[in-house]
Amino acid sequence: MTHLVLSLNNYLINPITFVINSIYEIIVQILQSVEDSKNSKAQYEVARMLHREYQNESFDYVHHLVKQGNLNELVK
């Protein structure tokens, strides 16, 4: 009898656990995408502001340095 109860329990719990874990992973991926998007937009805005100060550098170069986190290479 105990074996039957445990077997039924595993039969019902495993699919439910799989569905819950799948939903959790989807939510995590969505939130990660939102975070990446906001980070990308913030990097673009920082590069835009820095480009005004360092006009002798191309915007693409400044944006690249911002994405790499290596602003020491900027020279006025």
N, C-alpha and C. Protein backbone atom coordinates (compact mmCIF):
# COMPACT_ATOMS: atom_id res chain seq x y z
N MET A 1 0.83 -1.19 0.00
CA MET A 1 0.00 0.00 0.00
C MET A 1 0.87 1.26 0.00
N THR A 2 1.92 1.27 0.82
CA THR A 2 2.79 2.44 0.90
C THR A 2 3.50 2.66 -0.43
N HIS A 3 3.90 1.57 -1.07
CA HIS A 3 4.56 1.68 -2.36
C HIS A 3 3.61 2.30 -3.40
N LEU A 4 2.37 1.92 -3.36
CA LEU A 4 1.38 2.46 -4.29
C LEU A 4 1.19 3.96 -4.06
N VAL A 5 1.11 4.37 -2.81
CA VAL A 5 0.95 5.79 -2.49
C VAL A 5 2.16 6.58 -2.96
N LEU A 6 3.35 6.05 -2.71
CA LEU A 6 4.57 6.74 -3.14
C LEU A 6 4.66 6.81 -4.67
N SER A 7 4.26 5.74 -5.33
CA SER A 7 4.27 5.74 -6.79
C SER A 7 3.30 6.76 -7.35
N LEU A 8 2.10 6.81 -6.80
CA LEU A 8 1.12 7.81 -7.25
C LEU A 8 1.60 9.22 -6.95
N ASN A 9 2.20 9.39 -5.80
CA ASN A 9 2.71 10.71 -5.41
C ASN A 9 3.78 11.15 -6.42
N ASN A 10 4.73 10.30 -6.75
CA ASN A 10 5.77 10.63 -7.73
C ASN A 10 5.18 10.87 -9.11
N TYR A 11 4.19 10.10 -9.45
CA TYR A 11 3.55 10.24 -10.76
C TYR A 11 2.86 11.60 -10.90
N LEU A 12 2.30 12.10 -9.80
CA LEU A 12 1.60 13.39 -9.84
C LEU A 12 2.54 14.56 -9.60
N ILE A 13 3.53 14.40 -8.72
CA ILE A 13 4.40 15.50 -8.33
C ILE A 13 5.42 15.82 -9.42
N ASN A 14 5.99 14.84 -10.07
CA ASN A 14 7.03 15.10 -11.07
C ASN A 14 6.55 16.00 -12.20
N PRO A 15 5.39 15.77 -12.80
CA PRO A 15 4.94 16.70 -13.86
C PRO A 15 4.65 18.10 -13.34
N ILE A 16 4.10 18.17 -12.15
CA ILE A 16 3.82 19.49 -11.56
C ILE A 16 5.12 20.24 -11.29
N THR A 17 6.10 19.54 -10.76
CA THR A 17 7.40 20.14 -10.50
C THR A 17 8.05 20.60 -11.80
N PHE A 18 7.93 19.79 -12.84
CA PHE A 18 8.48 20.17 -14.14
C PHE A 18 7.83 21.44 -14.67
N VAL A 19 6.53 21.53 -14.56
CA VAL A 19 5.80 22.71 -15.05
C VAL A 19 6.19 23.95 -14.26
N ILE A 20 6.27 23.82 -12.95
CA ILE A 20 6.63 24.96 -12.09
C ILE A 20 8.06 25.41 -12.40
N ASN A 21 8.97 24.46 -12.55
CA ASN A 21 10.35 24.83 -12.88
C ASN A 21 10.45 25.47 -14.26
N SER A 22 9.66 25.00 -15.20
CA SER A 22 9.67 25.59 -16.54
C SER A 22 9.15 27.03 -16.51
N ILE A 23 8.08 27.24 -15.79
CA ILE A 23 7.53 28.60 -15.65
C ILE A 23 8.55 29.52 -14.97
N TYR A 24 9.20 29.00 -13.94
CA TYR A 24 10.22 29.78 -13.24
C TYR A 24 11.35 30.16 -14.19
N GLU A 25 11.83 29.22 -14.99
CA GLU A 25 12.92 29.50 -15.93
C GLU A 25 12.50 30.53 -16.97
N ILE A 26 11.28 30.47 -17.44
CA ILE A 26 10.78 31.45 -18.41
C ILE A 26 10.75 32.84 -17.79
N ILE A 27 10.27 32.93 -16.56
CA ILE A 27 10.21 34.23 -15.87
C ILE A 27 11.62 34.78 -15.65
N VAL A 28 12.55 33.92 -15.26
CA VAL A 28 13.93 34.36 -15.06
C VAL A 28 14.52 34.88 -16.37
N GLN A 29 14.26 34.19 -17.47
CA GLN A 29 14.77 34.64 -18.77
C GLN A 29 14.15 35.97 -19.19
N ILE A 30 12.88 36.15 -18.93
CA ILE A 30 12.22 37.42 -19.27
C ILE A 30 12.82 38.56 -18.45
N LEU A 31 12.99 38.33 -17.15
CA LEU A 31 13.56 39.37 -16.29
C LEU A 31 15.00 39.67 -16.68
N GLN A 32 15.76 38.66 -17.07
CA GLN A 32 17.14 38.88 -17.51
C GLN A 32 17.16 39.71 -18.79
N SER A 33 16.22 39.45 -19.68
CA SER A 33 16.14 40.22 -20.92
C SER A 33 15.80 41.68 -20.64
N VAL A 34 14.90 41.91 -19.72
CA VAL A 34 14.54 43.29 -19.34
C VAL A 34 15.75 43.99 -18.73
N GLU A 35 16.47 43.29 -17.86
CA GLU A 35 17.66 43.88 -17.25
C GLU A 35 18.72 44.19 -18.30
N ASP A 36 18.96 43.28 -19.24
CA ASP A 36 19.93 43.51 -20.30
C ASP A 36 19.53 44.70 -21.17
N SER A 37 18.24 44.81 -21.44
CA SER A 37 17.74 45.92 -22.25
C SER A 37 17.97 47.26 -21.55
N LYS A 38 17.65 47.31 -20.28
CA LYS A 38 17.86 48.56 -19.53
C LYS A 38 19.34 48.90 -19.42
N ASN A 39 20.16 47.89 -19.26
CA ASN A 39 21.60 48.11 -19.18
C ASN A 39 22.13 48.65 -20.51
N SER A 40 21.66 48.09 -21.60
CA SER A 40 22.09 48.54 -22.92
C SER A 40 21.66 49.99 -23.17
N LYS A 41 20.45 50.32 -22.78
CA LYS A 41 19.97 51.70 -22.96
C LYS A 41 20.78 52.67 -22.10
N ALA A 42 21.10 52.27 -20.88
CA ALA A 42 21.89 53.13 -19.99
C ALA A 42 23.30 53.33 -20.57
N GLN A 43 23.89 52.28 -21.10
CA GLN A 43 25.22 52.41 -21.71
C GLN A 43 25.17 53.37 -22.90
N TYR A 44 24.13 53.28 -23.71
CA TYR A 44 23.97 54.17 -24.85
C TYR A 44 23.86 55.62 -24.40
N GLU A 45 23.06 55.85 -23.36
CA GLU A 45 22.89 57.23 -22.87
C GLU A 45 24.19 57.77 -22.28
N VAL A 46 24.93 56.95 -21.57
CA VAL A 46 26.22 57.39 -21.02
C VAL A 46 27.18 57.72 -22.17
N ALA A 47 27.20 56.86 -23.17
CA ALA A 47 28.07 57.12 -24.33
C ALA A 47 27.67 58.40 -25.04
N ARG A 48 26.38 58.66 -25.14
CA ARG A 48 25.90 59.89 -25.78
C ARG A 48 26.37 61.12 -25.02
N MET A 49 26.28 61.06 -23.68
CA MET A 49 26.73 62.20 -22.87
C MET A 49 28.25 62.37 -22.93
N LEU A 50 28.97 61.25 -22.90
CA LEU A 50 30.43 61.35 -22.99
C LEU A 50 30.88 61.84 -24.36
N HIS A 51 30.15 61.48 -25.39
CA HIS A 51 30.53 61.91 -26.74
C HIS A 51 30.45 63.43 -26.87
N ARG A 52 29.53 64.04 -26.15
CA ARG A 52 29.46 65.52 -26.16
C ARG A 52 30.73 66.13 -25.58
N GLU A 53 31.28 65.46 -24.56
CA GLU A 53 32.50 65.97 -23.92
C GLU A 53 33.75 65.63 -24.73
N TYR A 54 33.76 64.47 -25.35
CA TYR A 54 34.91 64.02 -26.14
C TYR A 54 34.51 63.99 -27.62
N GLN A 55 34.34 65.15 -28.20
CA GLN A 55 33.83 65.25 -29.57
C GLN A 55 34.85 64.82 -30.62
N ASN A 56 36.13 64.76 -30.23
CA ASN A 56 37.13 64.33 -31.20
C ASN A 56 37.11 62.81 -31.42
N GLU A 57 36.42 62.08 -30.57
CA GLU A 57 36.28 60.63 -30.72
C GLU A 57 34.94 60.32 -31.39
N SER A 58 34.91 59.23 -32.14
CA SER A 58 33.65 58.84 -32.78
C SER A 58 32.69 58.28 -31.72
N PHE A 59 31.42 58.40 -32.01
CA PHE A 59 30.42 57.90 -31.06
C PHE A 59 30.56 56.39 -30.88
N ASP A 60 30.81 55.68 -31.99
CA ASP A 60 30.94 54.23 -31.91
C ASP A 60 32.09 53.82 -30.99
N TYR A 61 33.18 54.55 -31.06
CA TYR A 61 34.34 54.25 -30.20
C TYR A 61 34.00 54.51 -28.74
N VAL A 62 33.36 55.64 -28.46
CA VAL A 62 32.98 55.96 -27.08
C VAL A 62 31.99 54.91 -26.56
N HIS A 63 31.03 54.54 -27.38
CA HIS A 63 30.04 53.54 -26.98
C HIS A 63 30.73 52.20 -26.70
N HIS A 64 31.69 51.83 -27.53
CA HIS A 64 32.44 50.60 -27.31
C HIS A 64 33.19 50.64 -25.98
N LEU A 65 33.82 51.77 -25.69
CA LEU A 65 34.55 51.89 -24.42
C LEU A 65 33.61 51.82 -23.23
N VAL A 66 32.44 52.40 -23.34
CA VAL A 66 31.46 52.34 -22.26
C VAL A 66 31.02 50.89 -22.04
N LYS A 67 30.76 50.18 -23.13
CA LYS A 67 30.34 48.78 -23.00
C LYS A 67 31.44 47.92 -22.39
N GLN A 68 32.69 48.23 -22.71
CA GLN A 68 33.81 47.48 -22.16
C GLN A 68 34.18 47.94 -20.75
N GLY A 69 33.69 49.10 -20.36
CA GLY A 69 34.01 49.64 -19.03
C GLY A 69 35.42 50.18 -18.95
N ASN A 70 35.96 50.60 -20.09
CA ASN A 70 37.35 51.06 -20.15
C ASN A 70 37.38 52.51 -20.61
N LEU A 71 36.99 53.40 -19.74
CA LEU A 71 36.92 54.82 -20.10
C LEU A 71 38.26 55.54 -19.95
N ASN A 72 39.27 54.84 -19.46
CA ASN A 72 40.58 55.46 -19.29
C ASN A 72 41.23 55.82 -20.62
N GLU A 73 40.79 55.22 -21.72
CA GLU A 73 41.38 55.47 -23.02
C GLU A 73 40.88 56.76 -23.66
N LEU A 74 39.87 57.37 -23.10
CA LEU A 74 39.35 58.63 -23.67
C LEU A 74 40.30 59.77 -23.35
N VAL A 75 40.63 60.54 -24.39
CA VAL A 75 41.55 61.67 -24.25
C VAL A 75 40.88 62.89 -24.87
N LYS A 76 40.89 63.99 -24.13
CA LYS A 76 40.29 65.23 -24.67
C LYS A 76 41.15 65.83 -25.73
